[in-house]
């Protein structure tokens, strides 16, 4: 796991948000990029061809993107029966709104932890100072 200090010290591109917030891999980012650059929804086979990986590997990657809310799945029905699925990226405004919400939630949790840390070690310092007197 990468520490926050390490994350802040490295150059971060927009795609790094996928890793920071959801722990997604480089392959997941590559699949997301293919989907965002496509003129329309793609099948798993089309994404697999674009990133030159096995279909099952890409299916798992796209499922991670769906779970994170970055990709939507649509069922296309054939007129003579049967169906297939296509995948498209979620609207950027929805993704950025969710990322902002997650960041706000994280910040709200970290503030009290930092205050607790300060209180705990401030008390320890006071105890040491008093015992030295």
N, C-alpha and C. Protein backbone atom coordinates (compact mmCIF):
# COMPACT_ATOMS: atom_id res chain seq x y z
N UNK A 1 0.85 -1.18 0.00
CA UNK A 1 0.00 0.00 0.00
C UNK A 1 0.89 1.24 0.00
N UNK A 2 0.53 2.19 -0.81
CA UNK A 2 1.30 3.42 -0.93
C UNK A 2 0.85 4.39 0.16
N UNK A 3 1.82 4.99 0.85
CA UNK A 3 1.47 5.95 1.90
C UNK A 3 0.98 7.25 1.28
N UNK A 4 0.31 8.05 2.08
CA UNK A 4 -0.18 9.34 1.59
C UNK A 4 0.99 10.24 1.21
N UNK A 5 2.06 10.20 1.99
CA UNK A 5 3.25 11.02 1.68
C UNK A 5 3.79 10.64 0.32
N UNK A 6 3.89 9.34 0.04
CA UNK A 6 4.39 8.90 -1.27
C UNK A 6 3.47 9.35 -2.40
N UNK A 7 2.17 9.27 -2.16
CA UNK A 7 1.22 9.69 -3.19
C UNK A 7 1.33 11.18 -3.46
N UNK A 8 1.52 11.97 -2.41
CA UNK A 8 1.62 13.42 -2.59
C UNK A 8 2.92 13.83 -3.26
N UNK A 9 3.97 13.02 -3.09
CA UNK A 9 5.27 13.37 -3.66
C UNK A 9 5.40 13.02 -5.14
N UNK A 10 4.62 12.08 -5.62
CA UNK A 10 4.74 11.69 -7.03
C UNK A 10 3.81 12.53 -7.88
N UNK A 11 4.16 12.59 -9.16
CA UNK A 11 3.29 13.29 -10.10
C UNK A 11 2.04 12.44 -10.30
N UNK A 12 0.90 13.07 -10.16
CA UNK A 12 -0.35 12.35 -10.31
C UNK A 12 -1.13 12.91 -11.49
N UNK A 13 -1.51 12.02 -12.38
CA UNK A 13 -2.37 12.41 -13.48
C UNK A 13 -3.81 12.14 -13.07
N UNK A 14 -4.71 12.53 -13.90
CA UNK A 14 -6.12 12.35 -13.62
C UNK A 14 -6.45 10.86 -13.40
N UNK A 15 -5.85 9.98 -14.18
CA UNK A 15 -6.14 8.57 -14.06
C UNK A 15 -5.68 8.00 -12.72
N UNK A 16 -4.70 8.63 -12.08
CA UNK A 16 -4.23 8.14 -10.79
C UNK A 16 -5.32 8.17 -9.73
N UNK A 17 -6.35 8.95 -9.95
CA UNK A 17 -7.48 8.97 -9.03
C UNK A 17 -8.12 7.60 -8.93
N UNK A 18 -8.12 6.86 -10.03
CA UNK A 18 -8.71 5.52 -10.02
C UNK A 18 -7.95 4.63 -9.04
N UNK A 19 -6.64 4.76 -9.03
CA UNK A 19 -5.82 3.98 -8.10
C UNK A 19 -5.98 4.48 -6.67
N UNK A 20 -5.87 5.79 -6.48
CA UNK A 20 -5.92 6.37 -5.12
C UNK A 20 -7.24 6.08 -4.42
N UNK A 21 -8.33 6.26 -5.10
CA UNK A 21 -9.64 6.13 -4.46
C UNK A 21 -10.15 4.70 -4.42
N UNK A 22 -9.84 3.91 -5.44
CA UNK A 22 -10.44 2.58 -5.54
C UNK A 22 -9.43 1.45 -5.64
N UNK A 23 -8.14 1.76 -5.63
CA UNK A 23 -7.13 0.71 -5.71
C UNK A 23 -7.15 -0.02 -7.05
N UNK A 24 -7.58 0.66 -8.09
CA UNK A 24 -7.63 0.02 -9.40
C UNK A 24 -6.24 -0.07 -10.02
N UNK A 25 -6.06 -1.07 -10.86
CA UNK A 25 -4.76 -1.36 -11.47
C UNK A 25 -4.53 -0.56 -12.75
N UNK A 26 -3.32 -0.66 -13.25
CA UNK A 26 -3.00 -0.01 -14.52
C UNK A 26 -3.87 -0.57 -15.65
N UNK A 27 -4.13 -1.87 -15.62
CA UNK A 27 -5.00 -2.47 -16.63
C UNK A 27 -6.41 -1.90 -16.54
N UNK A 28 -6.90 -1.72 -15.31
CA UNK A 28 -8.23 -1.11 -15.13
C UNK A 28 -8.24 0.29 -15.73
N UNK A 29 -7.18 1.04 -15.48
CA UNK A 29 -7.08 2.39 -16.04
C UNK A 29 -7.03 2.35 -17.55
N UNK A 30 -6.29 1.38 -18.11
CA UNK A 30 -6.21 1.24 -19.57
C UNK A 30 -7.59 0.94 -20.17
N UNK A 31 -8.32 0.04 -19.52
CA UNK A 31 -9.67 -0.29 -20.00
C UNK A 31 -10.58 0.92 -19.92
N UNK A 32 -10.49 1.66 -18.84
CA UNK A 32 -11.32 2.88 -18.69
C UNK A 32 -10.98 3.88 -19.79
N UNK A 33 -9.70 4.03 -20.08
CA UNK A 33 -9.29 4.96 -21.13
C UNK A 33 -9.85 4.53 -22.49
N UNK A 34 -9.77 3.24 -22.79
CA UNK A 34 -10.32 2.73 -24.05
C UNK A 34 -11.81 3.05 -24.14
N UNK A 35 -12.52 2.82 -23.05
CA UNK A 35 -13.97 3.09 -23.05
C UNK A 35 -14.29 4.57 -23.20
N UNK A 36 -13.48 5.43 -22.57
CA UNK A 36 -13.76 6.87 -22.66
C UNK A 36 -13.41 7.43 -24.03
N UNK A 37 -12.45 6.83 -24.72
CA UNK A 37 -12.05 7.33 -26.04
C UNK A 37 -12.87 6.74 -27.17
N UNK A 38 -13.66 5.71 -26.90
CA UNK A 38 -14.47 5.07 -27.94
C UNK A 38 -15.63 5.97 -28.34
N UNK A 39 -16.05 5.92 -29.60
CA UNK A 39 -17.17 6.75 -30.05
C UNK A 39 -18.51 6.29 -29.49
N UNK A 40 -18.56 5.09 -28.94
CA UNK A 40 -19.80 4.56 -28.37
C UNK A 40 -19.48 3.40 -27.45
N UNK A 41 -20.50 2.76 -26.91
CA UNK A 41 -20.29 1.61 -26.03
C UNK A 41 -19.53 0.49 -26.73
N UNK A 42 -18.77 -0.29 -25.94
CA UNK A 42 -17.98 -1.39 -26.47
C UNK A 42 -18.33 -2.70 -25.78
N UNK A 43 -18.12 -3.79 -26.49
CA UNK A 43 -18.24 -5.12 -25.87
C UNK A 43 -16.93 -5.45 -25.17
N UNK A 44 -16.97 -6.48 -24.35
CA UNK A 44 -15.75 -6.94 -23.68
C UNK A 44 -14.71 -7.35 -24.73
N UNK A 45 -15.15 -8.02 -25.79
CA UNK A 45 -14.22 -8.45 -26.85
C UNK A 45 -13.53 -7.25 -27.50
N UNK A 46 -14.26 -6.17 -27.70
CA UNK A 46 -13.67 -4.97 -28.31
C UNK A 46 -12.65 -4.32 -27.38
N UNK A 47 -12.95 -4.27 -26.08
CA UNK A 47 -12.00 -3.72 -25.12
C UNK A 47 -10.77 -4.62 -25.05
N UNK A 48 -10.98 -5.93 -25.04
CA UNK A 48 -9.86 -6.88 -24.99
C UNK A 48 -8.94 -6.71 -26.19
N UNK A 49 -9.52 -6.52 -27.36
CA UNK A 49 -8.72 -6.32 -28.57
C UNK A 49 -7.92 -5.02 -28.47
N UNK A 50 -8.53 -3.99 -27.92
CA UNK A 50 -7.87 -2.68 -27.84
C UNK A 50 -6.68 -2.68 -26.88
N UNK A 51 -6.75 -3.47 -25.82
CA UNK A 51 -5.64 -3.51 -24.86
C UNK A 51 -4.79 -4.76 -25.01
N UNK A 52 -5.15 -5.60 -25.98
CA UNK A 52 -4.40 -6.82 -26.31
C UNK A 52 -4.24 -7.74 -25.10
N UNK A 53 -5.38 -8.06 -24.49
CA UNK A 53 -5.40 -8.98 -23.35
C UNK A 53 -6.52 -9.98 -23.54
N UNK A 54 -6.50 -11.03 -22.75
CA UNK A 54 -7.53 -12.06 -22.82
C UNK A 54 -8.89 -11.52 -22.40
N UNK A 55 -9.92 -12.05 -22.99
CA UNK A 55 -11.30 -11.63 -22.70
C UNK A 55 -11.63 -11.75 -21.22
N UNK A 56 -11.27 -12.88 -20.59
CA UNK A 56 -11.61 -13.09 -19.17
C UNK A 56 -10.90 -12.07 -18.27
N UNK A 57 -9.69 -11.70 -18.62
CA UNK A 57 -8.94 -10.70 -17.85
C UNK A 57 -9.63 -9.35 -17.95
N UNK A 58 -10.05 -9.01 -19.15
CA UNK A 58 -10.72 -7.72 -19.37
C UNK A 58 -12.10 -7.71 -18.71
N UNK A 59 -12.78 -8.83 -18.73
CA UNK A 59 -14.08 -8.91 -18.06
C UNK A 59 -13.93 -8.58 -16.58
N UNK A 60 -12.94 -9.17 -15.92
CA UNK A 60 -12.71 -8.88 -14.49
C UNK A 60 -12.36 -7.42 -14.27
N UNK A 61 -11.55 -6.86 -15.15
CA UNK A 61 -11.17 -5.46 -15.03
C UNK A 61 -12.39 -4.55 -15.18
N UNK A 62 -13.21 -4.81 -16.17
CA UNK A 62 -14.41 -4.00 -16.40
C UNK A 62 -15.38 -4.15 -15.23
N UNK A 63 -15.45 -5.33 -14.64
CA UNK A 63 -16.31 -5.52 -13.47
C UNK A 63 -15.82 -4.69 -12.29
N UNK A 64 -14.51 -4.58 -12.11
CA UNK A 64 -13.97 -3.72 -11.04
C UNK A 64 -14.35 -2.26 -11.32
N UNK A 65 -14.27 -1.85 -12.58
CA UNK A 65 -14.67 -0.49 -12.94
C UNK A 65 -16.16 -0.26 -12.70
N UNK A 66 -16.98 -1.26 -12.98
CA UNK A 66 -18.42 -1.15 -12.72
C UNK A 66 -18.68 -1.03 -11.22
N UNK A 67 -18.02 -1.86 -10.44
CA UNK A 67 -18.20 -1.84 -8.98
C UNK A 67 -17.83 -0.47 -8.42
N UNK A 68 -16.78 0.14 -8.98
CA UNK A 68 -16.34 1.46 -8.54
C UNK A 68 -17.25 2.58 -9.06
N UNK A 69 -18.13 2.25 -10.00
CA UNK A 69 -19.06 3.24 -10.54
C UNK A 69 -18.54 4.01 -11.74
N UNK A 70 -17.45 3.55 -12.34
CA UNK A 70 -16.86 4.25 -13.48
C UNK A 70 -17.42 3.80 -14.82
N UNK A 71 -18.07 2.64 -14.85
CA UNK A 71 -18.54 2.06 -16.11
C UNK A 71 -19.97 1.56 -15.93
N UNK A 72 -20.76 1.73 -16.98
CA UNK A 72 -22.14 1.27 -17.00
C UNK A 72 -22.28 0.12 -18.01
N UNK A 73 -23.13 -0.84 -17.68
CA UNK A 73 -23.39 -1.98 -18.56
C UNK A 73 -24.81 -1.86 -19.11
N UNK A 74 -24.95 -2.09 -20.42
CA UNK A 74 -26.25 -2.05 -21.07
C UNK A 74 -26.46 -3.36 -21.83
N UNK A 75 -27.66 -3.90 -21.73
CA UNK A 75 -27.99 -5.12 -22.47
C UNK A 75 -28.61 -4.73 -23.80
N UNK A 76 -28.10 -5.32 -24.87
CA UNK A 76 -28.63 -5.11 -26.22
C UNK A 76 -29.32 -6.40 -26.65
N UNK A 77 -30.60 -6.31 -26.95
CA UNK A 77 -31.37 -7.49 -27.36
C UNK A 77 -31.38 -7.62 -28.88
N UNK A 78 -31.17 -8.84 -29.35
CA UNK A 78 -31.29 -9.13 -30.78
C UNK A 78 -32.77 -9.30 -31.12
N UNK A 79 -33.15 -8.91 -32.33
CA UNK A 79 -34.54 -9.04 -32.77
C UNK A 79 -35.01 -10.49 -32.79
N UNK A 80 -34.10 -11.42 -33.14
CA UNK A 80 -34.47 -12.82 -33.24
C UNK A 80 -34.15 -13.62 -31.97
N UNK A 81 -33.98 -12.92 -30.87
CA UNK A 81 -33.69 -13.58 -29.59
C UNK A 81 -32.21 -13.46 -29.25
N UNK A 82 -31.91 -13.60 -28.01
CA UNK A 82 -30.54 -13.47 -27.54
C UNK A 82 -30.19 -12.02 -27.22
N UNK A 83 -29.07 -11.85 -26.62
CA UNK A 83 -28.62 -10.52 -26.24
C UNK A 83 -27.11 -10.51 -26.02
N UNK A 84 -26.57 -9.32 -25.89
CA UNK A 84 -25.17 -9.14 -25.51
C UNK A 84 -25.07 -7.85 -24.70
N UNK A 85 -23.93 -7.66 -24.04
CA UNK A 85 -23.75 -6.48 -23.22
C UNK A 85 -22.69 -5.56 -23.81
N UNK A 86 -22.92 -4.27 -23.64
CA UNK A 86 -21.92 -3.27 -24.01
C UNK A 86 -21.65 -2.41 -22.78
N UNK A 87 -20.49 -1.80 -22.79
CA UNK A 87 -20.03 -1.02 -21.64
C UNK A 87 -19.64 0.38 -22.08
N UNK A 88 -19.97 1.34 -21.25
CA UNK A 88 -19.64 2.73 -21.53
C UNK A 88 -19.25 3.41 -20.22
N UNK A 89 -18.46 4.47 -20.33
CA UNK A 89 -18.05 5.17 -19.11
C UNK A 89 -19.21 5.95 -18.51
N UNK A 90 -19.19 6.06 -17.21
CA UNK A 90 -20.16 6.88 -16.49
C UNK A 90 -19.85 8.35 -16.80
N UNK A 91 -20.85 9.20 -16.75
CA UNK A 91 -20.64 10.62 -17.01
C UNK A 91 -19.58 11.18 -16.07
N UNK A 92 -18.64 11.95 -16.60
CA UNK A 92 -17.56 12.50 -15.75
C UNK A 92 -18.07 13.29 -14.55
N UNK A 93 -19.17 14.02 -14.70
CA UNK A 93 -19.68 14.80 -13.58
C UNK A 93 -20.15 13.90 -12.44
N UNK A 94 -20.72 12.74 -12.76
CA UNK A 94 -21.13 11.79 -11.73
C UNK A 94 -19.92 11.19 -11.03
N UNK A 95 -18.90 10.85 -11.81
CA UNK A 95 -17.69 10.28 -11.22
C UNK A 95 -17.01 11.30 -10.33
N UNK A 96 -16.85 12.53 -10.81
CA UNK A 96 -16.16 13.54 -10.01
C UNK A 96 -16.96 13.89 -8.76
N UNK A 97 -18.28 13.89 -8.86
CA UNK A 97 -19.11 14.14 -7.68
C UNK A 97 -18.92 13.06 -6.62
N UNK A 98 -18.86 11.82 -7.06
CA UNK A 98 -18.64 10.71 -6.13
C UNK A 98 -17.25 10.77 -5.52
N UNK A 99 -16.24 11.09 -6.33
CA UNK A 99 -14.89 11.22 -5.80
C UNK A 99 -14.81 12.35 -4.77
N UNK A 100 -15.49 13.45 -5.03
CA UNK A 100 -15.50 14.56 -4.09
C UNK A 100 -16.19 14.16 -2.78
N UNK A 101 -17.29 13.41 -2.89
CA UNK A 101 -17.98 12.94 -1.70
C UNK A 101 -17.08 12.03 -0.87
N UNK A 102 -16.37 11.13 -1.55
CA UNK A 102 -15.46 10.22 -0.85
C UNK A 102 -14.34 10.99 -0.16
N UNK A 103 -13.81 11.99 -0.84
CA UNK A 103 -12.76 12.81 -0.26
C UNK A 103 -13.28 13.55 0.97
N UNK A 104 -14.47 14.11 0.88
CA UNK A 104 -15.07 14.81 2.02
C UNK A 104 -15.29 13.86 3.20
N UNK A 105 -15.76 12.64 2.91
CA UNK A 105 -15.95 11.64 3.96
C UNK A 105 -14.62 11.29 4.62
N UNK A 106 -13.59 11.11 3.81
CA UNK A 106 -12.26 10.78 4.33
C UNK A 106 -11.75 11.91 5.22
N UNK A 107 -11.90 13.13 4.74
CA UNK A 107 -11.44 14.30 5.51
C UNK A 107 -12.19 14.38 6.84
N UNK A 108 -13.50 14.13 6.82
CA UNK A 108 -14.29 14.18 8.05
C UNK A 108 -13.84 13.12 9.05
N UNK A 109 -13.36 11.98 8.57
CA UNK A 109 -12.86 10.93 9.47
C UNK A 109 -11.46 11.23 9.98
N UNK A 110 -10.63 11.83 9.15
CA UNK A 110 -9.24 12.09 9.53
C UNK A 110 -9.12 13.20 10.56
N UNK A 111 -9.96 14.23 10.49
CA UNK A 111 -9.89 15.35 11.43
C UNK A 111 -9.95 14.89 12.87
N UNK A 112 -10.96 14.12 13.28
CA UNK A 112 -11.02 13.63 14.65
C UNK A 112 -9.83 12.72 15.03
N UNK A 113 -9.35 11.93 14.09
CA UNK A 113 -8.20 11.07 14.38
C UNK A 113 -6.95 11.89 14.66
N UNK A 114 -6.77 12.96 13.91
CA UNK A 114 -5.62 13.84 14.14
C UNK A 114 -5.74 14.52 15.50
N UNK A 115 -6.95 14.96 15.83
CA UNK A 115 -7.17 15.60 17.14
C UNK A 115 -6.93 14.59 18.26
N UNK A 116 -7.36 13.36 18.08
CA UNK A 116 -7.14 12.31 19.07
C UNK A 116 -5.64 12.03 19.24
N UNK A 117 -4.93 11.99 18.13
CA UNK A 117 -3.48 11.78 18.16
C UNK A 117 -2.81 12.89 18.98
N UNK A 118 -3.18 14.13 18.69
CA UNK A 118 -2.58 15.26 19.39
C UNK A 118 -2.88 15.19 20.89
N UNK A 119 -4.12 14.90 21.23
CA UNK A 119 -4.52 14.83 22.64
C UNK A 119 -3.75 13.72 23.36
N UNK A 120 -3.65 12.56 22.75
CA UNK A 120 -2.98 11.41 23.36
C UNK A 120 -1.52 11.72 23.64
N UNK A 121 -0.83 12.26 22.64
CA UNK A 121 0.61 12.48 22.81
C UNK A 121 0.92 13.76 23.57
N UNK A 122 -0.02 14.67 23.59
CA UNK A 122 0.13 15.86 24.42
C UNK A 122 0.06 15.45 25.89
N UNK A 123 -0.85 14.53 26.23
CA UNK A 123 -0.96 14.02 27.59
C UNK A 123 0.29 13.25 27.98
N UNK A 124 0.83 12.46 27.07
CA UNK A 124 2.05 11.71 27.34
C UNK A 124 3.20 12.65 27.62
N UNK A 125 3.31 13.71 26.84
CA UNK A 125 4.38 14.68 27.01
C UNK A 125 4.24 15.39 28.36
N UNK A 126 3.00 15.71 28.74
CA UNK A 126 2.74 16.37 30.01
C UNK A 126 3.13 15.44 31.17
N UNK A 127 2.81 14.16 31.06
CA UNK A 127 3.16 13.20 32.10
C UNK A 127 4.66 13.07 32.26
N UNK A 128 5.40 13.04 31.16
CA UNK A 128 6.85 12.92 31.20
C UNK A 128 7.44 14.17 31.81
N UNK A 129 6.96 15.34 31.43
CA UNK A 129 7.46 16.61 31.96
C UNK A 129 7.23 16.69 33.47
N UNK A 130 6.05 16.27 33.94
CA UNK A 130 5.74 16.33 35.36
C UNK A 130 6.58 15.34 36.15
N UNK A 131 6.87 14.15 35.61
CA UNK A 131 7.67 13.17 36.33
C UNK A 131 9.14 13.57 36.39
N UNK A 132 9.58 14.39 35.46
CA UNK A 132 10.97 14.87 35.47
C UNK A 132 11.15 15.99 36.47
N UNK A 133 10.07 16.64 36.90
CA UNK A 133 10.16 17.79 37.82
C UNK A 133 10.42 17.36 39.23
